[in-house]
PDB file of N, CA and C in Angstrom:
ATOM      1  N   UNK A   1       0.834  -1.182   0.000  1.00  0.00           N
ATOM      2  CA  UNK A   1       0.000   0.000   0.000  1.00  0.00           C
ATOM      3  C   UNK A   1       0.881   1.249   0.000  1.00  0.00           C
ATOM      4  N   UNK A   2       0.264   2.360  -0.336  1.00  0.00           N
ATOM      5  CA  UNK A   2       0.974   3.633  -0.390  1.00  0.00           C
ATOM      6  C   UNK A   2       1.486   4.030   0.992  1.00  0.00           C
ATOM      7  N   UNK A   3       0.681   3.813   2.012  1.00  0.00           N
ATOM      8  CA  UNK A   3       1.080   4.167   3.384  1.00  0.00           C
ATOM      9  C   UNK A   3       2.299   3.358   3.802  1.00  0.00           C
ATOM     10  N   UNK A   4       2.321   2.085   3.483  1.00  0.00           N
ATOM     11  CA  UNK A   4       3.452   1.229   3.844  1.00  0.00           C
ATOM     12  C   UNK A   4       4.715   1.671   3.110  1.00  0.00           C
ATOM     13  N   UNK A   5       4.547   2.084   1.859  1.00  0.00           N
ATOM     14  CA  UNK A   5       5.684   2.558   1.069  1.00  0.00           C
ATOM     15  C   UNK A   5       6.283   3.812   1.715  1.00  0.00           C
ATOM     16  N   UNK A   6       5.437   4.734   2.172  1.00  0.00           N
ATOM     17  CA  UNK A   6       5.919   5.952   2.840  1.00  0.00           C
ATOM     18  C   UNK A   6       6.650   5.611   4.133  1.00  0.00           C
ATOM     19  N   UNK A   7       6.094   4.663   4.870  1.00  0.00           N
ATOM     20  CA  UNK A   7       6.729   4.234   6.117  1.00  0.00           C
ATOM     21  C   UNK A   7       8.100   3.635   5.828  1.00  0.00           C
ATOM     22  N   UNK A   8       8.165   2.781   4.804  1.00  0.00           N
ATOM     23  CA  UNK A   8       9.439   2.149   4.444  1.00  0.00           C
ATOM     24  C   UNK A   8      10.472   3.185   4.007  1.00  0.00           C
ATOM     25  N   UNK A   9      10.042   4.172   3.205  1.00  0.00           N
ATOM     26  CA  UNK A   9      10.953   5.219   2.748  1.00  0.00           C
ATOM     27  C   UNK A   9      11.447   6.064   3.921  1.00  0.00           C
ATOM     28  N   UNK A  10      10.554   6.389   4.829  1.00  0.00           N
ATOM     29  CA  UNK A  10      10.936   7.151   6.012  1.00  0.00           C
ATOM     30  C   UNK A  10      11.916   6.380   6.880  1.00  0.00           C
ATOM     31  N   UNK A  11      11.673   5.086   7.016  1.00  0.00           N
ATOM     32  CA  UNK A  11      12.545   4.225   7.800  1.00  0.00           C
ATOM     33  C   UNK A  11      13.940   4.177   7.167  1.00  0.00           C
ATOM     34  N   UNK A  12      14.002   4.023   5.837  1.00  0.00           N
ATOM     35  CA  UNK A  12      15.283   3.977   5.134  1.00  0.00           C
ATOM     36  C   UNK A  12      16.044   5.289   5.283  1.00  0.00           C
ATOM     37  N   UNK A  13      15.336   6.406   5.145  1.00  0.00           N
ATOM     38  CA  UNK A  13      15.987   7.706   5.308  1.00  0.00           C
ATOM     39  C   UNK A  13      16.512   7.885   6.725  1.00  0.00           C
ATOM     40  N   UNK A  14      15.764   7.412   7.700  1.00  0.00           N
ATOM     41  CA  UNK A  14      16.205   7.485   9.093  1.00  0.00           C
ATOM     42  C   UNK A  14      17.465   6.679   9.326  1.00  0.00           C
ATOM     43  N   UNK A  15      17.512   5.496   8.750  1.00  0.00           N
ATOM     44  CA  UNK A  15      18.703   4.644   8.887  1.00  0.00           C
ATOM     45  C   UNK A  15      19.905   5.318   8.228  1.00  0.00           C
ATOM     46  N   UNK A  16      19.704   5.848   7.018  1.00  0.00           N
ATOM     47  CA  UNK A  16      20.801   6.522   6.316  1.00  0.00           C
ATOM     48  C   UNK A  16      21.330   7.708   7.123  1.00  0.00           C
ATOM     49  N   UNK A  17      20.434   8.492   7.679  1.00  0.00           N
ATOM     50  CA  UNK A  17      20.835   9.657   8.475  1.00  0.00           C
ATOM     51  C   UNK A  17      21.612   9.215   9.723  1.00  0.00           C
ATOM     52  N   UNK A  18      21.146   8.141  10.352  1.00  0.00           N
ATOM     53  CA  UNK A  18      21.835   7.612  11.529  1.00  0.00           C
ATOM     54  C   UNK A  18      23.227   7.111  11.193  1.00  0.00           C
ATOM     55  N   UNK A  19      23.367   6.453  10.063  1.00  0.00           N
ATOM     56  CA  UNK A  19      24.678   5.963   9.626  1.00  0.00           C
ATOM     57  C   UNK A  19      25.614   7.140   9.363  1.00  0.00           C
ATOM     58  N   UNK A  20      25.099   8.175   8.679  1.00  0.00           N
ATOM     59  CA  UNK A  20      25.917   9.359   8.396  1.00  0.00           C
ATOM     60  C   UNK A  20      26.397  10.020   9.685  1.00  0.00           C
ATOM     61  N   UNK A  21      25.513  10.150  10.665  1.00  0.00           N
ATOM     62  CA  UNK A  21      25.899  10.752  11.942  1.00  0.00           C
ATOM     63  C   UNK A  21      26.948   9.900  12.644  1.00  0.00           C
ATOM     64  N   UNK A  22      26.790   8.591  12.584  1.00  0.00           N
ATOM     65  CA  UNK A  22      27.760   7.688  13.210  1.00  0.00           C
ATOM     66  C   UNK A  22      29.129   7.784  12.559  1.00  0.00           C
ATOM     67  N   UNK A  23      29.141   7.885  11.238  1.00  0.00           N
ATOM     68  CA  UNK A  23      30.408   8.028  10.519  1.00  0.00           C
ATOM     69  C   UNK A  23      31.080   9.340  10.901  1.00  0.00           C
ATOM     70  N   UNK A  24      30.323  10.419  10.932  1.00  0.00           N
ATOM     71  CA  UNK A  24      30.878  11.730  11.293  1.00  0.00           C
ATOM     72  C   UNK A  24      31.426  11.707  12.719  1.00  0.00           C
ATOM     73  N   UNK A  25      30.681  11.099  13.632  1.00  0.00           N
ATOM     74  CA  UNK A  25      31.141  11.018  15.015  1.00  0.00           C
ATOM     75  C   UNK A  25      32.451  10.236  15.092  1.00  0.00           C
ATOM     76  N   UNK A  26      32.550   9.165  14.331  1.00  0.00           N
ATOM     77  CA  UNK A  26      33.773   8.370  14.293  1.00  0.00           C
ATOM     78  C   UNK A  26      34.951   9.150  13.741  1.00  0.00           C
ATOM     79  N   UNK A  27      34.698   9.957  12.711  1.00  0.00           N
ATOM     80  CA  UNK A  27      35.755  10.796  12.140  1.00  0.00           C
ATOM     81  C   UNK A  27      36.267  11.792  13.169  1.00  0.00           C
ATOM     82  N   UNK A  28      35.349  12.432  13.884  1.00  0.00           N
ATOM     83  CA  UNK A  28      35.735  13.423  14.895  1.00  0.00           C
ATOM     84  C   UNK A  28      36.531  12.750  16.014  1.00  0.00           C
ATOM     85  N   UNK A  29      36.062  11.597  16.489  1.00  0.00           N
ATOM     86  CA  UNK A  29      36.759  10.905  17.576  1.00  0.00           C
ATOM     87  C   UNK A  29      38.148  10.452  17.142  1.00  0.00           C
ATOM     88  N   UNK A  30      38.262   9.955  15.906  1.00  0.00           N
ATOM     89  CA  UNK A  30      39.560   9.527  15.394  1.00  0.00           C
ATOM     90  C   UNK A  30      40.524  10.692  15.251  1.00  0.00           C
ATOM     91  N   UNK A  31      40.013  11.803  14.739  1.00  0.00           N
ATOM     92  CA  UNK A  31      40.846  12.983  14.560  1.00  0.00           C
ATOM     93  C   UNK A  31      41.240  13.563  15.910  1.00  0.00           C
ATOM     94  N   UNK A  32      40.322  13.536  16.862  1.00  0.00           N
ATOM     95  CA  UNK A  32      40.602  13.997  18.225  1.00  0.00           C
ATOM     96  C   UNK A  32      41.781  13.201  18.791  1.00  0.00           C
ATOM     97  N   UNK A  33      41.740  11.894  18.617  1.00  0.00           N
ATOM     98  CA  UNK A  33      42.796  11.022  19.125  1.00  0.00           C
ATOM     99  C   UNK A  33      44.141  11.353  18.468  1.00  0.00           C
ATOM    100  N   UNK A  34      44.123  11.596  17.176  1.00  0.00           N
ATOM    101  CA  UNK A  34      45.344  11.941  16.444  1.00  0.00           C
ATOM    102  C   UNK A  34      45.934  13.264  16.937  1.00  0.00           C
ATOM    103  N   UNK A  35      45.085  14.279  17.084  1.00  0.00           N
ATOM    104  CA  UNK A  35      45.563  15.584  17.543  1.00  0.00           C
ATOM    105  C   UNK A  35      46.106  15.485  18.969  1.00  0.00           C
ATOM    106  N   UNK A  36      45.428  14.725  19.814  1.00  0.00           N
ATOM    107  CA  UNK A  36      45.927  14.548  21.182  1.00  0.00           C
ATOM    108  C   UNK A  36      47.306  13.892  21.169  1.00  0.00           C
ATOM    109  N   UNK A  37      47.506  12.910  20.295  1.00  0.00           N
ATOM    110  CA  UNK A  37      48.815  12.263  20.170  1.00  0.00           C
ATOM    111  C   UNK A  37      49.881  13.264  19.721  1.00  0.00           C
ATOM    112  N   UNK A  38      49.531  14.092  18.744  1.00  0.00           N
ATOM    113  CA  UNK A  38      50.467  15.114  18.272  1.00  0.00           C
ATOM    114  C   UNK A  38      50.871  16.038  19.418  1.00  0.00           C
ATOM    115  N   UNK A  39      49.892  16.454  20.212  1.00  0.00           N
ATOM    116  CA  UNK A  39      50.166  17.352  21.327  1.00  0.00           C
ATOM    117  C   UNK A  39      51.087  16.692  22.349  1.00  0.00           C
ATOM    118  N   UNK A  40      50.824  15.420  22.653  1.00  0.00           N
ATOM    119  CA  UNK A  40      51.662  14.715  23.641  1.00  0.00           C
ATOM    120  C   UNK A  40      53.094  14.532  23.132  1.00  0.00           C
ATOM    121  N   UNK A  41      53.243  14.290  21.846  1.00  0.00           N
ATOM    122  CA  UNK A  41      54.583  14.140  21.272  1.00  0.00           C
ATOM    123  C   UNK A  41      55.338  15.468  21.342  1.00  0.00           C
ATOM    124  N   UNK A  42      54.663  16.552  20.992  1.00  0.00           N
ATOM    125  CA  UNK A  42      55.337  17.851  20.945  1.00  0.00           C
ATOM    126  C   UNK A  42      55.529  18.472  22.317  1.00  0.00           C
ATOM    127  N   UNK A  43      54.499  18.420  23.160  1.00  0.00           N
ATOM    128  CA  UNK A  43      54.547  19.142  24.435  1.00  0.00           C
ATOM    129  C   UNK A  43      54.650  18.228  25.659  1.00  0.00           C
ATOM    130  N   UNK A  44      54.636  16.932  25.468  1.00  0.00           N
ATOM    131  CA  UNK A  44      54.709  15.911  26.516  1.00  0.00           C
ATOM    132  C   UNK A  44      53.505  15.949  27.461  1.00  0.00           C
ATOM    133  N   UNK A  45      53.576  16.750  28.498  1.00  0.00           N
ATOM    134  CA  UNK A  45      52.476  16.831  29.464  1.00  0.00           C
ATOM    135  C   UNK A  45      51.418  17.820  28.981  1.00  0.00           C
ATOM    136  N   UNK A  46      50.171  17.374  28.968  1.00  0.00           N
ATOM    137  CA  UNK A  46      49.065  18.238  28.545  1.00  0.00           C
ATOM    138  C   UNK A  46      48.142  18.430  29.749  1.00  0.00           C
ATOM    139  N   UNK A  47      48.032  19.655  30.258  1.00  0.00           N
ATOM    140  CA  UNK A  47      47.140  19.902  31.394  1.00  0.00           C
ATOM    141  C   UNK A  47      45.691  19.518  31.072  1.00  0.00           C
ATOM    142  N   UNK A  48      44.983  19.080  32.088  1.00  0.00           N
ATOM    143  CA  UNK A  48      43.590  18.642  31.926  1.00  0.00           C
ATOM    144  C   UNK A  48      42.710  19.717  31.297  1.00  0.00           C
ATOM    145  N   UNK A  49      42.999  20.977  31.597  1.00  0.00           N
ATOM    146  CA  UNK A  49      42.178  22.060  31.037  1.00  0.00           C
ATOM    147  C   UNK A  49      42.262  22.085  29.506  1.00  0.00           C
ATOM    148  N   UNK A  50      43.429  21.797  28.958  1.00  0.00           N
ATOM    149  CA  UNK A  50      43.581  21.764  27.499  1.00  0.00           C
ATOM    150  C   UNK A  50      42.917  20.515  26.912  1.00  0.00           C
ATOM    151  N   UNK A  51      43.047  19.393  27.611  1.00  0.00           N
ATOM    152  CA  UNK A  51      42.398  18.172  27.130  1.00  0.00           C
ATOM    153  C   UNK A  51      40.883  18.334  27.133  1.00  0.00           C
ATOM    154  N   UNK A  52      40.371  19.017  28.148  1.00  0.00           N
ATOM    155  CA  UNK A  52      38.940  19.275  28.228  1.00  0.00           C
ATOM    156  C   UNK A  52      38.499  20.165  27.068  1.00  0.00           C
ATOM    157  N   UNK A  53      39.273  21.186  26.804  1.00  0.00           N
ATOM    158  CA  UNK A  53      38.962  22.091  25.693  1.00  0.00           C
ATOM    159  C   UNK A  53      39.033  21.331  24.365  1.00  0.00           C
ATOM    160  N   UNK A  54      40.022  20.476  24.235  1.00  0.00           N
ATOM    161  CA  UNK A  54      40.201  19.691  23.017  1.00  0.00           C
ATOM    162  C   UNK A  54      38.970  18.825  22.728  1.00  0.00           C
ATOM    163  N   UNK A  55      38.389  18.269  23.780  1.00  0.00           N
ATOM    164  CA  UNK A  55      37.252  17.355  23.601  1.00  0.00           C
ATOM    165  C   UNK A  55      35.987  18.055  23.114  1.00  0.00           C
ATOM    166  N   UNK A  56      35.963  19.387  23.174  1.00  0.00           N
ATOM    167  CA  UNK A  56      34.762  20.125  22.745  1.00  0.00           C
ATOM    168  C   UNK A  56      34.867  20.652  21.314  1.00  0.00           C
ATOM    169  N   UNK A  57      36.012  20.461  20.672  1.00  0.00           N
ATOM    170  CA  UNK A  57      36.232  21.051  19.354  1.00  0.00           C
ATOM    171  C   UNK A  57      35.540  20.269  18.241  1.00  0.00           C
ATOM    172  N   UNK A  58      35.123  20.992  17.220  1.00  0.00           N
ATOM    173  CA  UNK A  58      34.513  20.379  16.035  1.00  0.00           C
ATOM    174  C   UNK A  58      35.616  19.796  15.149  1.00  0.00           C
ATOM    175  N   UNK A  59      35.201  19.080  14.129  1.00  0.00           N
ATOM    176  CA  UNK A  59      36.157  18.494  13.189  1.00  0.00           C
ATOM    177  C   UNK A  59      37.016  19.585  12.547  1.00  0.00           C
ATOM    178  N   UNK A  60      36.390  20.670  12.108  1.00  0.00           N
ATOM    179  CA  UNK A  60      37.147  21.753  11.460  1.00  0.00           C
ATOM    180  C   UNK A  60      38.118  22.421  12.423  1.00  0.00           C
ATOM    181  N   UNK A  61      37.708  22.581  13.680  1.00  0.00           N
ATOM    182  CA  UNK A  61      38.615  23.167  14.678  1.00  0.00           C
ATOM    183  C   UNK A  61      39.783  22.227  14.953  1.00  0.00           C
ATOM    184  N   UNK A  62      39.508  20.929  15.002  1.00  0.00           N
ATOM    185  CA  UNK A  62      40.582  19.951  15.209  1.00  0.00           C
ATOM    186  C   UNK A  62      41.547  19.963  14.033  1.00  0.00           C
ATOM    187  N   UNK A  63      41.002  20.108  12.839  1.00  0.00           N
ATOM    188  CA  UNK A  63      41.836  20.170  11.638  1.00  0.00           C
ATOM    189  C   UNK A  63      42.779  21.377  11.701  1.00  0.00           C
ATOM    190  N   UNK A  64      42.248  22.507  12.103  1.00  0.00           N
ATOM    191  CA  UNK A  64      43.059  23.720  12.258  1.00  0.00           C
ATOM    192  C   UNK A  64      44.143  23.513  13.314  1.00  0.00           C
ATOM    193  N   UNK A  65      43.766  22.913  14.430  1.00  0.00           N
ATOM    194  CA  UNK A  65      44.716  22.654  15.505  1.00  0.00           C
ATOM    195  C   UNK A  65      45.830  21.718  15.039  1.00  0.00           C
ATOM    196  N   UNK A  66      45.479  20.700  14.259  1.00  0.00           N
ATOM    197  CA  UNK A  66      46.471  19.747  13.753  1.00  0.00           C
ATOM    198  C   UNK A  66      47.502  20.453  12.871  1.00  0.00           C
ATOM    199  N   UNK A  67      47.065  21.449  12.124  1.00  0.00           N
ATOM    200  CA  UNK A  67      47.997  22.218  11.300  1.00  0.00           C
ATOM    201  C   UNK A  67      48.845  23.148  12.164  1.00  0.00           C
ATOM    202  N   UNK A  68      48.209  23.792  13.122  1.00  0.00           N
ATOM    203  CA  UNK A  68      48.914  24.774  13.966  1.00  0.00           C
ATOM    204  C   UNK A  68      49.921  24.127  14.912  1.00  0.00           C
ATOM    205  N   UNK A  69      49.717  22.865  15.272  1.00  0.00           N
ATOM    206  CA  UNK A  69      50.636  22.197  16.198  1.00  0.00           C
ATOM    207  C   UNK A  69      52.045  22.113  15.597  1.00  0.00           C
ATOM    208  N   UNK A  70      52.132  22.163  14.282  1.00  0.00           N
ATOM    209  CA  UNK A  70      53.433  22.078  13.625  1.00  0.00           C
ATOM    210  C   UNK A  70      54.306  23.300  13.879  1.00  0.00           C
ATOM    211  N   UNK A  71      53.678  24.452  14.076  1.00  0.00           N
ATOM    212  CA  UNK A  71      54.455  25.684  14.233  1.00  0.00           C
ATOM    213  C   UNK A  71      54.327  26.336  15.607  1.00  0.00           C
ATOM    214  N   UNK A  72      53.375  25.927  16.407  1.00  0.00           N
ATOM    215  CA  UNK A  72      53.163  26.547  17.720  1.00  0.00           C
ATOM    216  C   UNK A  72      54.338  26.258  18.646  1.00  0.00           C
ATOM    217  N   UNK A  73      54.680  27.267  19.432  1.00  0.00           N
ATOM    218  CA  UNK A  73      55.777  27.123  20.388  1.00  0.00           C
ATOM    219  C   UNK A  73      55.283  26.748  21.788  1.00  0.00           C
ATOM    220  N   UNK A  74      53.981  26.927  22.027  1.00  0.00           N
ATOM    221  CA  UNK A  74      53.427  26.615  23.338  1.00  0.00           C
ATOM    222  C   UNK A  74      51.965  26.222  23.195  1.00  0.00           C
ATOM    223  N   UNK A  75      51.446  25.588  24.237  1.00  0.00           N
ATOM    224  CA  UNK A  75      50.027  25.236  24.254  1.00  0.00           C
ATOM    225  C   UNK A  75      49.162  26.491  24.269  1.00  0.00           C
ATOM    226  N   UNK A  76      49.615  27.511  24.991  1.00  0.00           N
ATOM    227  CA  UNK A  76      48.873  28.762  25.062  1.00  0.00           C
ATOM    228  C   UNK A  76      48.686  29.352  23.664  1.00  0.00           C
ATOM    229  N   UNK A  77      49.772  29.353  22.897  1.00  0.00           N
ATOM    230  CA  UNK A  77      49.712  29.860  21.530  1.00  0.00           C
ATOM    231  C   UNK A  77      48.793  29.000  20.673  1.00  0.00           C
ATOM    232  N   UNK A  78      48.904  27.726  20.843  1.00  0.00           N
ATOM    233  CA  UNK A  78      48.135  26.784  20.034  1.00  0.00           C
ATOM    234  C   UNK A  78      46.631  26.925  20.256  1.00  0.00           C
ATOM    235  N   UNK A  79      46.227  27.113  21.497  1.00  0.00           N
ATOM    236  CA  UNK A  79      44.809  27.158  21.828  1.00  0.00           C
ATOM    237  C   UNK A  79      44.215  28.567  21.761  1.00  0.00           C
ATOM    238  N   UNK A  80      44.967  29.510  21.255  1.00  0.00           N
ATOM    239  CA  UNK A  80      44.452  30.862  21.061  1.00  0.00           C
ATOM    240  C   UNK A  80      43.654  30.882  19.761  1.00  0.00           C
ATOM    241  N   UNK A  81      42.337  30.890  19.861  1.00  0.00           N
ATOM    242  CA  UNK A  81      41.494  30.859  18.658  1.00  0.00           C
ATOM    243  C   UNK A  81      40.977  32.238  18.346  1.00  0.00           C
TER     244      UNK A  81
END
């Protein structure tokens, strides 16, 4: 029936949207882990306040941070947005 077809289409769209969100979340978590590793390699000890701030950043902010870690001389400089 037409109603069942609409339900099925809505269900499929919901699944697709959920998968997309899961993939994006995985990308952010993976990138977060990479940036944290970069910070630990460069600066060794990372204060909890910076780690807390790091966990709130978007993918684009993490991407910017990953680039800036190459030239930053301090954590203070790095986290100045």
